[in-house]
């Protein structure tokens, strides 16, 4: 393997509980950065989870050429904007469900991924009852 996939995580709620630990368990990945609504909140989580960089601005994370994949664990209201920006930059995207606040945004994200040739995946949890 040439090198690990450099992952950036946007969101510190479900992101710190599930996304970061899952990527850290995969030998093919390295969580390089985590982003929250403030750099202070991101720093606290990054230090605890041993993530190198903490950011308070998702646009900076998406624009980083060293990041190959963006994992989005934010409220649906901003997922579409983050996903489209990341796909436009040629990044692979993993996005929690629901993928958007309404179906039109979800479809727009899908079209952006297809035209950019980028990978995208929605995360779904399956429960046994």
C-alpha atoms as a PDB file:
ATOM      1  CA  UNK A   1       0.000   0.000   0.000  1.00  0.00           C
ATOM      2  CA  UNK A   2       1.414   3.373  -1.023  1.00  0.00           C
ATOM      3  CA  UNK A   3       0.123   5.308   1.954  1.00  0.00           C
ATOM      4  CA  UNK A   4      -2.809   5.651   4.262  1.00  0.00           C
ATOM      5  CA  UNK A   5      -5.981   7.412   3.206  1.00  0.00           C
ATOM      6  CA  UNK A   6      -5.955  10.778   4.955  1.00  0.00           C
ATOM      7  CA  UNK A   7      -9.390  11.390   6.479  1.00  0.00           C
ATOM      8  CA  UNK A   8     -10.924  14.578   7.832  1.00  0.00           C
ATOM      9  CA  UNK A   9     -13.996  14.369  10.072  1.00  0.00           C
ATOM     10  CA  UNK A  10     -16.544  17.202  10.198  1.00  0.00           C
ATOM     11  CA  UNK A  11     -18.613  17.106  13.389  1.00  0.00           C
ATOM     12  CA  UNK A  12     -17.705  16.087  16.916  1.00  0.00           C
ATOM     13  CA  UNK A  13     -20.946  14.563  18.172  1.00  0.00           C
ATOM     14  CA  UNK A  14     -21.380  11.250  16.382  1.00  0.00           C
ATOM     15  CA  UNK A  15     -18.061  11.990  14.678  1.00  0.00           C
ATOM     16  CA  UNK A  16     -16.042  11.533  17.867  1.00  0.00           C
ATOM     17  CA  UNK A  17     -18.123   8.632  19.118  1.00  0.00           C
ATOM     18  CA  UNK A  18     -18.260   6.546  15.941  1.00  0.00           C
ATOM     19  CA  UNK A  19     -16.527   7.969  12.855  1.00  0.00           C
ATOM     20  CA  UNK A  20     -13.078   8.690  14.301  1.00  0.00           C
ATOM     21  CA  UNK A  21     -12.799   5.364  16.192  1.00  0.00           C
ATOM     22  CA  UNK A  22     -13.988   3.410  13.131  1.00  0.00           C
ATOM     23  CA  UNK A  23     -11.439   5.034  10.814  1.00  0.00           C
ATOM     24  CA  UNK A  24      -8.707   4.613  13.434  1.00  0.00           C
ATOM     25  CA  UNK A  25      -9.413   0.868  13.526  1.00  0.00           C
ATOM     26  CA  UNK A  26      -8.855   0.600   9.771  1.00  0.00           C
ATOM     27  CA  UNK A  27      -5.150   0.222   8.961  1.00  0.00           C
ATOM     28  CA  UNK A  28      -5.737   1.810   5.555  1.00  0.00           C
ATOM     29  CA  UNK A  29      -6.806   5.134   7.104  1.00  0.00           C
ATOM     30  CA  UNK A  30      -5.378   7.914   9.207  1.00  0.00           C
ATOM     31  CA  UNK A  31      -7.674  10.523  10.746  1.00  0.00           C
ATOM     32  CA  UNK A  32      -5.610  13.621  10.091  1.00  0.00           C
ATOM     33  CA  UNK A  33      -8.056  16.317  11.237  1.00  0.00           C
ATOM     34  CA  UNK A  34     -11.334  16.893  13.023  1.00  0.00           C
ATOM     35  CA  UNK A  35     -13.544  19.940  12.699  1.00  0.00           C
ATOM     36  CA  UNK A  36     -16.122  21.431  15.063  1.00  0.00           C
ATOM     37  CA  UNK A  37     -18.019  24.708  15.232  1.00  0.00           C
ATOM     38  CA  UNK A  38     -15.070  26.236  17.124  1.00  0.00           C
ATOM     39  CA  UNK A  39     -11.390  25.376  17.125  1.00  0.00           C
ATOM     40  CA  UNK A  40     -11.496  25.139  20.924  1.00  0.00           C
ATOM     41  CA  UNK A  41     -14.124  22.392  20.843  1.00  0.00           C
ATOM     42  CA  UNK A  42     -12.267  20.586  18.065  1.00  0.00           C
ATOM     43  CA  UNK A  43      -8.958  20.824  19.952  1.00  0.00           C
ATOM     44  CA  UNK A  44     -10.425  19.226  23.056  1.00  0.00           C
ATOM     45  CA  UNK A  45     -11.716  16.257  21.057  1.00  0.00           C
ATOM     46  CA  UNK A  46      -8.612  15.986  18.854  1.00  0.00           C
ATOM     47  CA  UNK A  47      -6.330  15.769  21.882  1.00  0.00           C
ATOM     48  CA  UNK A  48      -8.462  13.082  23.512  1.00  0.00           C
ATOM     49  CA  UNK A  49      -8.700  11.008  20.312  1.00  0.00           C
ATOM     50  CA  UNK A  50      -5.078  11.588  19.259  1.00  0.00           C
ATOM     51  CA  UNK A  51      -5.977  13.377  16.030  1.00  0.00           C
ATOM     52  CA  UNK A  52      -3.191  15.646  14.737  1.00  0.00           C
ATOM     53  CA  UNK A  53      -5.187  18.712  13.729  1.00  0.00           C
ATOM     54  CA  UNK A  54      -8.241  20.530  15.041  1.00  0.00           C
ATOM     55  CA  UNK A  55     -10.190  23.033  12.982  1.00  0.00           C
ATOM     56  CA  UNK A  56     -13.123  25.330  13.589  1.00  0.00           C
ATOM     57  CA  UNK A  57     -13.907  25.772   9.896  1.00  0.00           C
ATOM     58  CA  UNK A  58     -15.031  22.918   7.640  1.00  0.00           C
ATOM     59  CA  UNK A  59     -14.148  24.924   4.506  1.00  0.00           C
ATOM     60  CA  UNK A  60     -10.477  24.855   5.527  1.00  0.00           C
ATOM     61  CA  UNK A  61     -10.637  21.093   5.997  1.00  0.00           C
ATOM     62  CA  UNK A  62     -12.311  20.512   2.627  1.00  0.00           C
ATOM     63  CA  UNK A  63      -9.765  22.755   0.855  1.00  0.00           C
ATOM     64  CA  UNK A  64      -6.777  20.884   2.337  1.00  0.00           C
ATOM     65  CA  UNK A  65      -5.071  19.007  -0.531  1.00  0.00           C
ATOM     66  CA  UNK A  66      -3.613  16.408   1.859  1.00  0.00           C
ATOM     67  CA  UNK A  67      -7.090  15.178   2.867  1.00  0.00           C
ATOM     68  CA  UNK A  68      -8.437  12.480   0.522  1.00  0.00           C
ATOM     69  CA  UNK A  69     -11.731  11.698   2.258  1.00  0.00           C
ATOM     70  CA  UNK A  70     -14.240  13.694   4.281  1.00  0.00           C
ATOM     71  CA  UNK A  71     -16.474  12.037   6.844  1.00  0.00           C
ATOM     72  CA  UNK A  72     -19.527  14.177   7.612  1.00  0.00           C
ATOM     73  CA  UNK A  73     -21.266  13.764  10.975  1.00  0.00           C
ATOM     74  CA  UNK A  74     -23.206  17.007  11.206  1.00  0.00           C
ATOM     75  CA  UNK A  75     -26.885  17.956  11.344  1.00  0.00           C
ATOM     76  CA  UNK A  76     -28.619  17.420   7.972  1.00  0.00           C
ATOM     77  CA  UNK A  77     -29.054  21.161   7.449  1.00  0.00           C
ATOM     78  CA  UNK A  78     -25.361  21.597   6.557  1.00  0.00           C
ATOM     79  CA  UNK A  79     -24.457  18.150   5.214  1.00  0.00           C
ATOM     80  CA  UNK A  80     -25.348  19.021   1.621  1.00  0.00           C
ATOM     81  CA  UNK A  81     -23.101  22.090   1.550  1.00  0.00           C
ATOM     82  CA  UNK A  82     -20.150  20.212   3.064  1.00  0.00           C
ATOM     83  CA  UNK A  83     -20.619  17.160   0.820  1.00  0.00           C
ATOM     84  CA  UNK A  84     -20.888  19.164  -2.396  1.00  0.00           C
ATOM     85  CA  UNK A  85     -17.828  21.249  -1.497  1.00  0.00           C
ATOM     86  CA  UNK A  86     -15.825  18.097  -0.734  1.00  0.00           C
ATOM     87  CA  UNK A  87     -16.963  16.287  -3.887  1.00  0.00           C
ATOM     88  CA  UNK A  88     -16.128  19.362  -5.961  1.00  0.00           C
ATOM     89  CA  UNK A  89     -12.598  19.211  -4.523  1.00  0.00           C
ATOM     90  CA  UNK A  90     -12.323  15.577  -5.656  1.00  0.00           C
ATOM     91  CA  UNK A  91     -12.611  14.053  -2.196  1.00  0.00           C
ATOM     92  CA  UNK A  92     -14.367  10.829  -1.279  1.00  0.00           C
ATOM     93  CA  UNK A  93     -17.309  11.491   1.049  1.00  0.00           C
ATOM     94  CA  UNK A  94     -18.913   9.449   3.819  1.00  0.00           C
ATOM     95  CA  UNK A  95     -22.106  11.062   5.074  1.00  0.00           C
ATOM     96  CA  UNK A  96     -24.415  10.086   7.929  1.00  0.00           C
ATOM     97  CA  UNK A  97     -28.120   9.691   7.323  1.00  0.00           C
ATOM     98  CA  UNK A  98     -30.319  11.482   6.700  1.00  0.00           C
ATOM     99  CA  UNK A  99     -28.208  12.692   3.804  1.00  0.00           C
ATOM    100  CA  UNK A 100     -29.983  16.043   3.604  1.00  0.00           C
ATOM    101  CA  UNK A 101     -32.896  18.019   4.993  1.00  0.00           C
ATOM    102  CA  UNK A 102     -34.974  17.226   1.903  1.00  0.00           C
ATOM    103  CA  UNK A 103     -34.743  14.921  -1.115  1.00  0.00           C
ATOM    104  CA  UNK A 104     -33.733  17.648  -3.578  1.00  0.00           C
ATOM    105  CA  UNK A 105     -30.492  18.285  -1.705  1.00  0.00           C
ATOM    106  CA  UNK A 106     -29.750  14.589  -1.488  1.00  0.00           C
ATOM    107  CA  UNK A 107     -30.182  14.250  -5.249  1.00  0.00           C
ATOM    108  CA  UNK A 108     -27.955  17.294  -5.847  1.00  0.00           C
ATOM    109  CA  UNK A 109     -25.199  15.717  -3.752  1.00  0.00           C
ATOM    110  CA  UNK A 110     -25.502  12.487  -5.740  1.00  0.00           C
ATOM    111  CA  UNK A 111     -25.274  14.298  -9.067  1.00  0.00           C
ATOM    112  CA  UNK A 112     -22.183  16.200  -7.906  1.00  0.00           C
ATOM    113  CA  UNK A 113     -20.474  12.953  -6.944  1.00  0.00           C
ATOM    114  CA  UNK A 114     -21.286  11.319 -10.261  1.00  0.00           C
ATOM    115  CA  UNK A 115     -20.040  14.215 -12.384  1.00  0.00           C
ATOM    116  CA  UNK A 116     -16.865  14.523 -10.334  1.00  0.00           C
ATOM    117  CA  UNK A 117     -16.164  10.796 -10.369  1.00  0.00           C
ATOM    118  CA  UNK A 118     -15.857  10.791  -6.590  1.00  0.00           C
ATOM    119  CA  UNK A 119     -16.800   8.106  -4.138  1.00  0.00           C
ATOM    120  CA  UNK A 120     -19.670   8.750  -1.780  1.00  0.00           C
ATOM    121  CA  UNK A 121     -21.352   6.611   0.825  1.00  0.00           C
ATOM    122  CA  UNK A 122     -24.189   7.061   3.276  1.00  0.00           C
ATOM    123  CA  UNK A 123     -23.925   5.588   6.751  1.00  0.00           C
ATOM    124  CA  UNK A 124     -26.796   3.549   8.105  1.00  0.00           C
ATOM    125  CA  UNK A 125     -27.029   1.682  11.371  1.00  0.00           C
ATOM    126  CA  UNK A 126     -28.907  -1.580  11.460  1.00  0.00           C
ATOM    127  CA  UNK A 127     -30.518  -2.635  14.722  1.00  0.00           C
ATOM    128  CA  UNK A 128     -31.840  -6.029  15.654  1.00  0.00           C
ATOM    129  CA  UNK A 129     -35.116  -5.990  17.548  1.00  0.00           C
END
